[in-house]
Structure formats: C-alpha cells, structure tokens
C-alpha atoms as a PDB file:
ATOM      1  CA  MET A   1      15.128  -3.753   1.409  1.00  0.00           C
ATOM      2  CA  ASP A   2      15.049  -7.236   0.051  1.00  0.00           C
ATOM      3  CA  GLU A   3      15.293  -7.297  -3.754  1.00  0.00           C
ATOM      4  CA  SER A   4      12.317  -9.667  -3.901  1.00  0.00           C
ATOM      5  CA  ILE A   5      10.071  -6.798  -2.787  1.00  0.00           C
ATOM      6  CA  TRP A   6      11.091  -4.661  -5.748  1.00  0.00           C
ATOM      7  CA  ASP A   7      10.770  -7.638  -8.089  1.00  0.00           C
ATOM      8  CA  ALA A   8       7.244  -8.222  -6.792  1.00  0.00           C
ATOM      9  CA  VAL A   9       6.342  -4.536  -7.227  1.00  0.00           C
ATOM     10  CA  ARG A  10       7.538  -4.565 -10.841  1.00  0.00           C
ATOM     11  CA  ALA A  11       5.779  -7.887 -11.510  1.00  0.00           C
ATOM     12  CA  ALA A  12       2.508  -6.566 -10.067  1.00  0.00           C
ATOM     13  CA  ARG A  13       2.757  -3.475 -12.225  1.00  0.00           C
ATOM     14  CA  GLY A  14       3.439  -5.601 -15.307  1.00  0.00           C
ATOM     15  CA  TRP A  15       0.539  -7.913 -14.518  1.00  0.00           C
ATOM     16  CA  LEU A  16      -1.827  -4.956 -14.058  1.00  0.00           C
ATOM     17  CA  ASP A  17      -0.567  -3.271 -17.236  1.00  0.00           C
ATOM     18  CA  ALA A  18      -1.141  -6.473 -19.219  1.00  0.00           C
ATOM     19  CA  ALA A  19      -4.586  -7.077 -17.749  1.00  0.00           C
ATOM     20  CA  ASN A  20      -5.943  -3.527 -17.637  1.00  0.00           C
ATOM     21  CA  GLY A  21      -3.692  -1.304 -19.717  1.00  0.00           C
ATOM     22  CA  ALA A  22      -1.964   1.767 -18.364  1.00  0.00           C
ATOM     23  CA  GLY A  23      -4.190   4.659 -19.380  1.00  0.00           C
ATOM     24  CA  ASP A  24      -5.097   7.485 -17.057  1.00  0.00           C
ATOM     25  CA  THR A  25      -8.308   5.805 -15.902  1.00  0.00           C
ATOM     26  CA  GLU A  26      -6.394   2.677 -14.907  1.00  0.00           C
ATOM     27  CA  LEU A  27      -3.716   4.720 -13.157  1.00  0.00           C
ATOM     28  CA  THR A  28      -6.430   6.609 -11.289  1.00  0.00           C
ATOM     29  CA  CYS A  29      -7.856   3.298 -10.117  1.00  0.00           C
ATOM     30  CA  ARG A  30      -4.432   2.163  -8.914  1.00  0.00           C
ATOM     31  CA  ILE A  31      -4.045   5.324  -6.869  1.00  0.00           C
ATOM     32  CA  LEU A  32      -7.588   4.993  -5.499  1.00  0.00           C
ATOM     33  CA  LYS A  33      -6.807   1.383  -4.585  1.00  0.00           C
ATOM     34  CA  LEU A  34      -4.480   2.796  -1.932  1.00  0.00           C
ATOM     35  CA  THR A  35      -7.470   4.456  -0.271  1.00  0.00           C
ATOM     36  CA  GLU A  36      -9.310   1.143  -0.292  1.00  0.00           C
ATOM     37  CA  GLU A  37      -6.357  -0.624   1.311  1.00  0.00           C
ATOM     38  CA  ALA A  38      -6.011   2.111   3.948  1.00  0.00           C
ATOM     39  CA  GLY A  39      -9.702   1.699   4.722  1.00  0.00           C
ATOM     40  CA  GLU A  40      -9.177  -2.017   5.233  1.00  0.00           C
ATOM     41  CA  ALA A  41      -6.348  -1.261   7.673  1.00  0.00           C
ATOM     42  CA  ALA A  42      -8.615   1.164   9.526  1.00  0.00           C
ATOM     43  CA  GLY A  43     -11.397  -1.412   9.602  1.00  0.00           C
ATOM     44  CA  ALA A  44      -9.031  -4.012  10.998  1.00  0.00           C
ATOM     45  CA  TRP A  45      -7.916  -1.608  13.740  1.00  0.00           C
ATOM     46  CA  ILE A  46     -11.545  -0.936  14.608  1.00  0.00           C
ATOM     47  CA  GLY A  47     -11.902  -4.701  14.824  1.00  0.00           C
ATOM     48  CA  VAL A  48      -8.922  -4.916  17.201  1.00  0.00           C
ATOM     49  CA  LEU A  49     -10.505  -2.324  19.462  1.00  0.00           C
ATOM     50  CA  GLY A  50     -13.934  -3.941  19.312  1.00  0.00           C
ATOM     51  CA  GLN A  51     -15.268  -0.490  18.480  1.00  0.00           C
ATOM     52  CA  ASN A  52     -18.342  -1.849  16.696  1.00  0.00           C
ATOM     53  CA  PRO A  53     -20.558  -3.163  19.502  1.00  0.00           C
ATOM     54  CA  ARG A  54     -22.523  -5.301  17.084  1.00  0.00           C
ATOM     55  CA  LYS A  55     -19.390  -7.180  15.989  1.00  0.00           C
ATOM     56  CA  GLY A  56     -17.058  -6.953  18.977  1.00  0.00           C
ATOM     57  CA  VAL A  57     -13.382  -7.843  18.572  1.00  0.00           C
ATOM     58  CA  THR A  58     -12.950  -9.229  15.062  1.00  0.00           C
ATOM     59  CA  HIS A  59      -9.275  -8.687  14.199  1.00  0.00           C
ATOM     60  CA  THR A  60      -5.799  -9.049  15.634  1.00  0.00           C
ATOM     61  CA  ARG A  61      -2.799  -6.762  15.453  1.00  0.00           C
ATOM     62  CA  ASP A  62      -1.343  -9.239  12.960  1.00  0.00           C
ATOM     63  CA  ASP A  63      -4.398  -8.585  10.766  1.00  0.00           C
ATOM     64  CA  VAL A  64      -3.733  -4.846  10.983  1.00  0.00           C
ATOM     65  CA  THR A  65      -0.071  -5.407  10.148  1.00  0.00           C
ATOM     66  CA  ALA A  66      -1.053  -7.389   7.047  1.00  0.00           C
ATOM     67  CA  GLU A  67      -3.500  -4.690   5.938  1.00  0.00           C
ATOM     68  CA  LEU A  68      -0.888  -1.954   6.422  1.00  0.00           C
ATOM     69  CA  ALA A  69       1.575  -4.002   4.378  1.00  0.00           C
ATOM     70  CA  ASP A  70      -1.063  -4.301   1.630  1.00  0.00           C
ATOM     71  CA  ALA A  71      -1.406  -0.504   1.664  1.00  0.00           C
ATOM     72  CA  ALA A  72       2.360   0.004   1.489  1.00  0.00           C
ATOM     73  CA  PHE A  73       2.740  -2.466  -1.379  1.00  0.00           C
ATOM     74  CA  THR A  74      -0.184  -0.885  -3.234  1.00  0.00           C
ATOM     75  CA  ALA A  75       1.464   2.531  -2.896  1.00  0.00           C
ATOM     76  CA  LEU A  76       4.734   1.196  -4.307  1.00  0.00           C
ATOM     77  CA  VAL A  77       2.922  -0.327  -7.293  1.00  0.00           C
ATOM     78  CA  ALA A  78       1.085   2.962  -7.887  1.00  0.00           C
ATOM     79  CA  ILE A  79       4.374   4.886  -7.835  1.00  0.00           C
ATOM     80  CA  GLU A  80       5.867   2.547 -10.427  1.00  0.00           C
ATOM     81  CA  SER A  81       2.663   2.666 -12.485  1.00  0.00           C
ATOM     82  CA  ILE A  82       2.794   6.441 -12.908  1.00  0.00           C
ATOM     83  CA  GLY A  83       6.404   6.240 -14.044  1.00  0.00           C
ATOM     84  CA  GLY A  84       8.124   6.854 -10.734  1.00  0.00           C
ATOM     85  CA  ASP A  85      10.915   4.852  -9.182  1.00  0.00           C
ATOM     86  CA  ALA A  86       9.346   3.363  -6.045  1.00  0.00           C
ATOM     87  CA  ARG A  87      12.684   2.475  -4.483  1.00  0.00           C
ATOM     88  CA  ALA A  88      14.055   6.000  -4.963  1.00  0.00           C
ATOM     89  CA  ALA A  89      10.808   7.587  -3.783  1.00  0.00           C
ATOM     90  CA  LEU A  90      10.744   5.487  -0.625  1.00  0.00           C
ATOM     91  CA  ARG A  91      14.414   6.212   0.054  1.00  0.00           C
ATOM     92  CA  ALA A  92      13.849   9.965  -0.414  1.00  0.00           C
ATOM     93  CA  CYS A  93      10.864   9.847   1.925  1.00  0.00           C
ATOM     94  CA  ALA A  94      12.873   7.996   4.580  1.00  0.00           C
ATOM     95  CA  GLU A  95      15.721  10.485   4.266  1.00  0.00           C
ATOM     96  CA  LYS A  96      13.292  13.401   4.596  1.00  0.00           C
ATOM     97  CA  VAL A  97      11.753  11.937   7.736  1.00  0.00           C
ATOM     98  CA  SER A  98      15.185  11.093   9.174  1.00  0.00           C
ATOM     99  CA  SER A  99      16.437  14.645   8.604  1.00  0.00           C
ATOM    100  CA  ARG A 100      13.538  16.005  10.681  1.00  0.00           C
ATOM    101  CA  GLN A 101      14.630  13.924  13.657  1.00  0.00           C
ATOM    102  CA  ARG A 102      18.110  15.419  13.873  1.00  0.00           C
END
C-alpha cells in the first residue's frame, strides 16, 4: 500500500488524540465510529438500489465505494488508536484470507 495511507492513518490518530484524548471512552467512540461508517455504506447501497420508494435512486456505486473506503480508513485509525499496528493487522488479515483460498 501507498505510504501516504499509513501517514494519513497516523495523522488522523494524532489529530483525534490531541482533540479528544485517548481514554477508554474516546477509544470506544472510535470503534463505534466504524459502525456508523458501515451504516453509511449500507445506506448508500440502498440508495443505489432505489430500495426506499419514497426516495428512489439516490446514490451511485462511486458513492458506495467512497463510503466503504471511509469505513476501511476508520477501522485502520481505530486499530492504531488501541495500540495496534494497522499495517501489520491488515497484512495478517490478508494472509489469513489468502491461505483459505489455497
């Protein structure tokens, strides 16, 4: 992955730490933020499908892609925030998934 992604993850964590601290309540909120972002991705997909008859089609697949990226980035920041290494965690996850496909 591009190093700028990891720089941005660390910068976001630093910005959040400076603004909100890094106590357990703050860390809980950062983890819960992932649920919010996932909900936004789900809402965008519903908008692609036009599932809400009152609203019709309200989103594009590009909108869904952006929301999923927000969720992924939020997860990486949460991993770093709780003291994990986001890069190593993502690599380990990818390796685990890859090993299942062999």
